[in-house]
Amino acid sequence: MNDSAYQVQWFSDAGLTQQVGDMTVTASELTATGLTLGQQYWFRIRATRAGQQGPWSDPATRVANI
């Protein structure tokens, strides 16, 4: 059984203090909903498996465009 997943968080500030979303997924893609068009967001991700959590990635930034 493969219980691997990814925890993804997104924030409205570069300091990662204003969290606006948190999702755990098993797919390699996700669609973040509820974002404000034209606003910049910062995302980070970490792997989880069997109750263990890996380290957070460095943040990546994107501007909501759809």
PDB file of N, CA and C in Angstrom:
ATOM      1  N   MET A   1       0.833  -1.191   0.000  1.00  0.00           N
ATOM      2  CA  MET A   1       0.000   0.000   0.000  1.00  0.00           C
ATOM      3  C   MET A   1       0.870   1.244   0.000  1.00  0.00           C
ATOM      4  N   ASN A   2       0.569   2.177  -0.870  1.00  0.00           N
ATOM      5  CA  ASN A   2       1.327   3.417  -0.959  1.00  0.00           C
ATOM      6  C   ASN A   2       0.513   4.534  -0.322  1.00  0.00           C
ATOM      7  N   ASP A   3       0.971   5.021   0.806  1.00  0.00           N
ATOM      8  CA  ASP A   3       0.245   6.099   1.484  1.00  0.00           C
ATOM      9  C   ASP A   3       0.990   7.421   1.384  1.00  0.00           C
ATOM     10  N   SER A   4       1.740   7.592   0.301  1.00  0.00           N
ATOM     11  CA  SER A   4       2.470   8.839   0.074  1.00  0.00           C
ATOM     12  C   SER A   4       1.509   9.941  -0.347  1.00  0.00           C
ATOM     13  N   ALA A   5       1.807  11.146   0.100  1.00  0.00           N
ATOM     14  CA  ALA A   5       0.994  12.306  -0.257  1.00  0.00           C
ATOM     15  C   ALA A   5       1.883  13.540  -0.188  1.00  0.00           C
ATOM     16  N   TYR A   6       1.307  14.661  -0.585  1.00  0.00           N
ATOM     17  CA  TYR A   6       1.998  15.943  -0.521  1.00  0.00           C
ATOM     18  C   TYR A   6       1.110  16.937   0.214  1.00  0.00           C
ATOM     19  N   GLN A   7       1.687  17.655   1.140  1.00  0.00           N
ATOM     20  CA  GLN A   7       0.981  18.746   1.798  1.00  0.00           C
ATOM     21  C   GLN A   7       1.428  20.039   1.136  1.00  0.00           C
ATOM     22  N   VAL A   8       0.462  20.826   0.691  1.00  0.00           N
ATOM     23  CA  VAL A   8       0.737  22.085   0.011  1.00  0.00           C
ATOM     24  C   VAL A   8       0.075  23.208   0.801  1.00  0.00           C
ATOM     25  N   GLN A   9       0.820  24.266   1.035  1.00  0.00           N
ATOM     26  CA  GLN A   9       0.271  25.459   1.678  1.00  0.00           C
ATOM     27  C   GLN A   9       0.534  26.648   0.778  1.00  0.00           C
ATOM     28  N   TRP A  10      -0.384  27.624   0.797  1.00  0.00           N
ATOM     29  CA  TRP A  10      -0.138  28.848   0.047  1.00  0.00           C
ATOM     30  C   TRP A  10      -0.484  30.061   0.905  1.00  0.00           C
ATOM     31  N   PHE A  11       0.246  31.145   0.601  1.00  0.00           N
ATOM     32  CA  PHE A  11       0.245  32.345   1.427  1.00  0.00           C
ATOM     33  C   PHE A  11       0.130  33.577   0.547  1.00  0.00           C
ATOM     34  N   SER A  12      -0.338  34.671   1.143  1.00  0.00           N
ATOM     35  CA  SER A  12      -0.458  35.928   0.399  1.00  0.00           C
ATOM     36  C   SER A  12       0.718  36.864   0.655  1.00  0.00           C
ATOM     37  N   ASP A  13       1.755  36.370   1.359  1.00  0.00           N
ATOM     38  CA  ASP A  13       2.925  37.215   1.631  1.00  0.00           C
ATOM     39  C   ASP A  13       4.204  36.388   1.567  1.00  0.00           C
ATOM     40  N   ALA A  14       5.299  37.047   1.218  1.00  0.00           N
ATOM     41  CA  ALA A  14       6.597  36.374   1.057  1.00  0.00           C
ATOM     42  C   ALA A  14       7.141  35.842   2.372  1.00  0.00           C
ATOM     43  N   GLY A  15       6.708  36.401   3.492  1.00  0.00           N
ATOM     44  CA  GLY A  15       7.161  35.934   4.803  1.00  0.00           C
ATOM     45  C   GLY A  15       6.438  34.684   5.290  1.00  0.00           C
ATOM     46  N   LEU A  16       5.471  34.211   4.502  1.00  0.00           N
ATOM     47  CA  LEU A  16       4.681  33.014   4.810  1.00  0.00           C
ATOM     48  C   LEU A  16       3.981  33.125   6.164  1.00  0.00           C
ATOM     49  N   THR A  17       3.426  34.305   6.435  1.00  0.00           N
ATOM     50  CA  THR A  17       2.695  34.492   7.688  1.00  0.00           C
ATOM     51  C   THR A  17       1.186  34.599   7.468  1.00  0.00           C
ATOM     52  N   GLN A  18       0.743  34.873   6.246  1.00  0.00           N
ATOM     53  CA  GLN A  18      -0.682  35.033   5.943  1.00  0.00           C
ATOM     54  C   GLN A  18      -1.153  33.841   5.097  1.00  0.00           C
ATOM     55  N   GLN A  19      -1.379  32.710   5.767  1.00  0.00           N
ATOM     56  CA  GLN A  19      -1.779  31.491   5.064  1.00  0.00           C
ATOM     57  C   GLN A  19      -3.213  31.622   4.568  1.00  0.00           C
ATOM     58  N   VAL A  20      -3.425  31.266   3.292  1.00  0.00           N
ATOM     59  CA  VAL A  20      -4.761  31.325   2.717  1.00  0.00           C
ATOM     60  C   VAL A  20      -5.247  29.955   2.244  1.00  0.00           C
ATOM     61  N   GLY A  21      -4.383  28.946   2.286  1.00  0.00           N
ATOM     62  CA  GLY A  21      -4.798  27.616   1.879  1.00  0.00           C
ATOM     63  C   GLY A  21      -3.859  26.541   2.360  1.00  0.00           C
ATOM     64  N   ASP A  22      -4.418  25.348   2.529  1.00  0.00           N
ATOM     65  CA  ASP A  22      -3.654  24.171   2.955  1.00  0.00           C
ATOM     66  C   ASP A  22      -4.386  22.952   2.407  1.00  0.00           C
ATOM     67  N   MET A  23      -3.677  22.118   1.689  1.00  0.00           N
ATOM     68  CA  MET A  23      -4.307  20.963   1.069  1.00  0.00           C
ATOM     69  C   MET A  23      -3.336  19.791   1.057  1.00  0.00           C
ATOM     70  N   THR A  24      -3.846  18.594   1.284  1.00  0.00           N
ATOM     71  CA  THR A  24      -3.046  17.384   1.135  1.00  0.00           C
ATOM     72  C   THR A  24      -3.562  16.639  -0.081  1.00  0.00           C
ATOM     73  N   VAL A  25      -2.646  16.297  -0.979  1.00  0.00           N
ATOM     74  CA  VAL A  25      -3.022  15.648  -2.238  1.00  0.00           C
ATOM     75  C   VAL A  25      -2.148  14.420  -2.470  1.00  0.00           C
ATOM     76  N   THR A  26      -2.663  13.505  -3.264  1.00  0.00           N
ATOM     77  CA  THR A  26      -1.879  12.342  -3.668  1.00  0.00           C
ATOM     78  C   THR A  26      -1.471  12.433  -5.125  1.00  0.00           C
ATOM     79  N   ALA A  27      -2.041  13.386  -5.848  1.00  0.00           N
ATOM     80  CA  ALA A  27      -1.709  13.595  -7.262  1.00  0.00           C
ATOM     81  C   ALA A  27      -0.509  14.530  -7.370  1.00  0.00           C
ATOM     82  N   SER A  28       0.089  14.583  -8.540  1.00  0.00           N
ATOM     83  CA  SER A  28       1.240  15.464  -8.747  1.00  0.00           C
ATOM     84  C   SER A  28       0.818  16.866  -9.164  1.00  0.00           C
ATOM     85  N   GLU A  29      -0.485  17.118  -9.264  1.00  0.00           N
ATOM     86  CA  GLU A  29      -1.005  18.437  -9.606  1.00  0.00           C
ATOM     87  C   GLU A  29      -2.141  18.792  -8.665  1.00  0.00           C
ATOM     88  N   LEU A  30      -2.368  20.107  -8.496  1.00  0.00           N
ATOM     89  CA  LEU A  30      -3.546  20.560  -7.776  1.00  0.00           C
ATOM     90  C   LEU A  30      -3.973  21.893  -8.346  1.00  0.00           C
ATOM     91  N   THR A  31      -5.225  22.200  -8.160  1.00  0.00           N
ATOM     92  CA  THR A  31      -5.747  23.502  -8.547  1.00  0.00           C
ATOM     93  C   THR A  31      -6.154  24.218  -7.276  1.00  0.00           C
ATOM     94  N   ALA A  32      -5.479  25.314  -6.987  1.00  0.00           N
ATOM     95  CA  ALA A  32      -5.817  26.122  -5.815  1.00  0.00           C
ATOM     96  C   ALA A  32      -7.000  26.999  -6.191  1.00  0.00           C
ATOM     97  N   THR A  33      -8.066  26.942  -5.405  1.00  0.00           N
ATOM     98  CA  THR A  33      -9.260  27.720  -5.690  1.00  0.00           C
ATOM     99  C   THR A  33      -9.410  28.861  -4.690  1.00  0.00           C
ATOM    100  N   GLY A  34     -10.244  29.809  -5.017  1.00  0.00           N
ATOM    101  CA  GLY A  34     -10.511  30.919  -4.120  1.00  0.00           C
ATOM    102  C   GLY A  34      -9.441  31.995  -4.131  1.00  0.00           C
ATOM    103  N   LEU A  35      -8.582  31.988  -5.145  1.00  0.00           N
ATOM    104  CA  LEU A  35      -7.528  32.990  -5.237  1.00  0.00           C
ATOM    105  C   LEU A  35      -8.060  34.257  -5.891  1.00  0.00           C
ATOM    106  N   THR A  36      -7.426  35.372  -5.610  1.00  0.00           N
ATOM    107  CA  THR A  36      -7.815  36.652  -6.192  1.00  0.00           C
ATOM    108  C   THR A  36      -7.011  36.893  -7.463  1.00  0.00           C
ATOM    109  N   LEU A  37      -7.711  37.116  -8.555  1.00  0.00           N
ATOM    110  CA  LEU A  37      -7.082  37.355  -9.849  1.00  0.00           C
ATOM    111  C   LEU A  37      -6.074  38.494  -9.754  1.00  0.00           C
ATOM    112  N   GLY A  38      -4.867  38.259 -10.250  1.00  0.00           N
ATOM    113  CA  GLY A  38      -3.818  39.267 -10.263  1.00  0.00           C
ATOM    114  C   GLY A  38      -2.994  39.358  -8.989  1.00  0.00           C
ATOM    115  N   GLN A  39      -3.390  38.636  -7.940  1.00  0.00           N
ATOM    116  CA  GLN A  39      -2.633  38.673  -6.686  1.00  0.00           C
ATOM    117  C   GLN A  39      -1.519  37.631  -6.704  1.00  0.00           C
ATOM    118  N   GLN A  40      -0.400  37.983  -6.108  1.00  0.00           N
ATOM    119  CA  GLN A  40       0.738  37.067  -6.014  1.00  0.00           C
ATOM    120  C   GLN A  40       0.576  36.185  -4.787  1.00  0.00           C
ATOM    121  N   TYR A  41       0.918  34.899  -4.940  1.00  0.00           N
ATOM    122  CA  TYR A  41       0.858  33.930  -3.847  1.00  0.00           C
ATOM    123  C   TYR A  41       2.171  33.174  -3.772  1.00  0.00           C
ATOM    124  N   TRP A  42       2.494  32.695  -2.585  1.00  0.00           N
ATOM    125  CA  TRP A  42       3.692  31.894  -2.344  1.00  0.00           C
ATOM    126  C   TRP A  42       3.248  30.513  -1.900  1.00  0.00           C
ATOM    127  N   PHE A  43       3.835  29.483  -2.503  1.00  0.00           N
ATOM    128  CA  PHE A  43       3.475  28.092  -2.242  1.00  0.00           C
ATOM    129  C   PHE A  43       4.676  27.350  -1.678  1.00  0.00           C
ATOM    130  N   ARG A  44       4.401  26.392  -0.792  1.00  0.00           N
ATOM    131  CA  ARG A  44       5.438  25.468  -0.345  1.00  0.00           C
ATOM    132  C   ARG A  44       4.811  24.090  -0.249  1.00  0.00           C
ATOM    133  N   ILE A  45       5.660  23.073  -0.321  1.00  0.00           N
ATOM    134  CA  ILE A  45       5.190  21.694  -0.365  1.00  0.00           C
ATOM    135  C   ILE A  45       6.124  20.805   0.437  1.00  0.00           C
ATOM    136  N   ARG A  46       5.564  19.724   0.978  1.00  0.00           N
ATOM    137  CA  ARG A  46       6.389  18.703   1.617  1.00  0.00           C
ATOM    138  C   ARG A  46       5.728  17.349   1.426  1.00  0.00           C
ATOM    139  N   ALA A  47       6.541  16.338   1.380  1.00  0.00           N
ATOM    140  CA  ALA A  47       6.053  14.971   1.239  1.00  0.00           C
ATOM    141  C   ALA A  47       5.657  14.428   2.610  1.00  0.00           C
ATOM    142  N   THR A  48       4.643  13.561   2.593  1.00  0.00           N
ATOM    143  CA  THR A  48       4.240  12.863   3.807  1.00  0.00           C
ATOM    144  C   THR A  48       4.064  11.386   3.464  1.00  0.00           C
ATOM    145  N   ARG A  49       4.419  10.550   4.424  1.00  0.00           N
ATOM    146  CA  ARG A  49       4.253   9.111   4.203  1.00  0.00           C
ATOM    147  C   ARG A  49       4.271   8.412   5.547  1.00  0.00           C
ATOM    148  N   ALA A  50       3.286   7.562   5.759  1.00  0.00           N
ATOM    149  CA  ALA A  50       3.185   6.753   6.973  1.00  0.00           C
ATOM    150  C   ALA A  50       3.310   7.613   8.231  1.00  0.00           C
ATOM    151  N   GLY A  51       2.665   8.775   8.218  1.00  0.00           N
ATOM    152  CA  GLY A  51       2.685   9.649   9.377  1.00  0.00           C
ATOM    153  C   GLY A  51       3.941  10.484   9.531  1.00  0.00           C
ATOM    154  N   GLN A  52       4.892  10.302   8.641  1.00  0.00           N
ATOM    155  CA  GLN A  52       6.138  11.077   8.680  1.00  0.00           C
ATOM    156  C   GLN A  52       6.036  12.231   7.687  1.00  0.00           C
ATOM    157  N   GLN A  53       6.617  13.366   8.044  1.00  0.00           N
ATOM    158  CA  GLN A  53       6.593  14.526   7.170  1.00  0.00           C
ATOM    159  C   GLN A  53       8.009  14.939   6.812  1.00  0.00           C
ATOM    160  N   GLY A  54       8.221  15.215   5.537  1.00  0.00           N
ATOM    161  CA  GLY A  54       9.508  15.701   5.086  1.00  0.00           C
ATOM    162  C   GLY A  54       9.630  17.196   5.335  1.00  0.00           C
ATOM    163  N   PRO A  55      10.765  17.766   4.992  1.00  0.00           N
ATOM    164  CA  PRO A  55      10.962  19.206   5.175  1.00  0.00           C
ATOM    165  C   PRO A  55      10.166  20.000   4.139  1.00  0.00           C
ATOM    166  N   TRP A  56       9.837  21.228   4.484  1.00  0.00           N
ATOM    167  CA  TRP A  56       9.162  22.114   3.537  1.00  0.00           C
ATOM    168  C   TRP A  56      10.124  22.507   2.427  1.00  0.00           C
ATOM    169  N   SER A  57       9.607  22.640   1.229  1.00  0.00           N
ATOM    170  CA  SER A  57      10.388  23.142   0.105  1.00  0.00           C
ATOM    171  C   SER A  57      10.625  24.633   0.286  1.00  0.00           C
ATOM    172  N   ASP A  58      11.549  25.166  -0.496  1.00  0.00           N
ATOM    173  CA  ASP A  58      11.663  26.614  -0.587  1.00  0.00           C
ATOM    174  C   ASP A  58      10.381  27.118  -1.250  1.00  0.00           C
ATOM    175  N   PRO A  59       9.919  28.304  -0.891  1.00  0.00           N
ATOM    176  CA  PRO A  59       8.691  28.797  -1.491  1.00  0.00           C
ATOM    177  C   PRO A  59       8.835  29.115  -2.978  1.00  0.00           C
ATOM    178  N   ALA A  60       7.771  28.855  -3.701  1.00  0.00           N
ATOM    179  CA  ALA A  60       7.665  29.237  -5.119  1.00  0.00           C
ATOM    180  C   ALA A  60       6.528  30.247  -5.212  1.00  0.00           C
ATOM    181  N   THR A  61       6.622  31.194  -6.101  1.00  0.00           N
ATOM    182  CA  THR A  61       5.594  32.219  -6.196  1.00  0.00           C
ATOM    183  C   THR A  61       4.924  32.212  -7.561  1.00  0.00           C
ATOM    184  N   ARG A  62       3.634  32.538  -7.562  1.00  0.00           N
ATOM    185  CA  ARG A  62       2.847  32.624  -8.796  1.00  0.00           C
ATOM    186  C   ARG A  62       1.827  33.727  -8.622  1.00  0.00           C
ATOM    187  N   VAL A  63       1.398  34.300  -9.747  1.00  0.00           N
ATOM    188  CA  VAL A  63       0.321  35.281  -9.748  1.00  0.00           C
ATOM    189  C   VAL A  63      -0.919  34.570 -10.271  1.00  0.00           C
ATOM    190  N   ALA A  64      -2.028  34.691  -9.544  1.00  0.00           N
ATOM    191  CA  ALA A  64      -3.281  34.062  -9.973  1.00  0.00           C
ATOM    192  C   ALA A  64      -3.737  34.691 -11.283  1.00  0.00           C
ATOM    193  N   ASN A  65      -3.955  33.852 -12.299  1.00  0.00           N
ATOM    194  CA  ASN A  65      -4.282  34.403 -13.619  1.00  0.00           C
ATOM    195  C   ASN A  65      -5.508  33.787 -14.259  1.00  0.00           C
ATOM    196  N   ILE A  66      -6.177  32.883 -13.594  1.00  0.00           N
ATOM    197  CA  ILE A  66      -7.392  32.290 -14.188  1.00  0.00           C
ATOM    198  C   ILE A  66      -8.513  32.383 -13.183  1.00  0.00           C
TER     199      ILE A  66
END
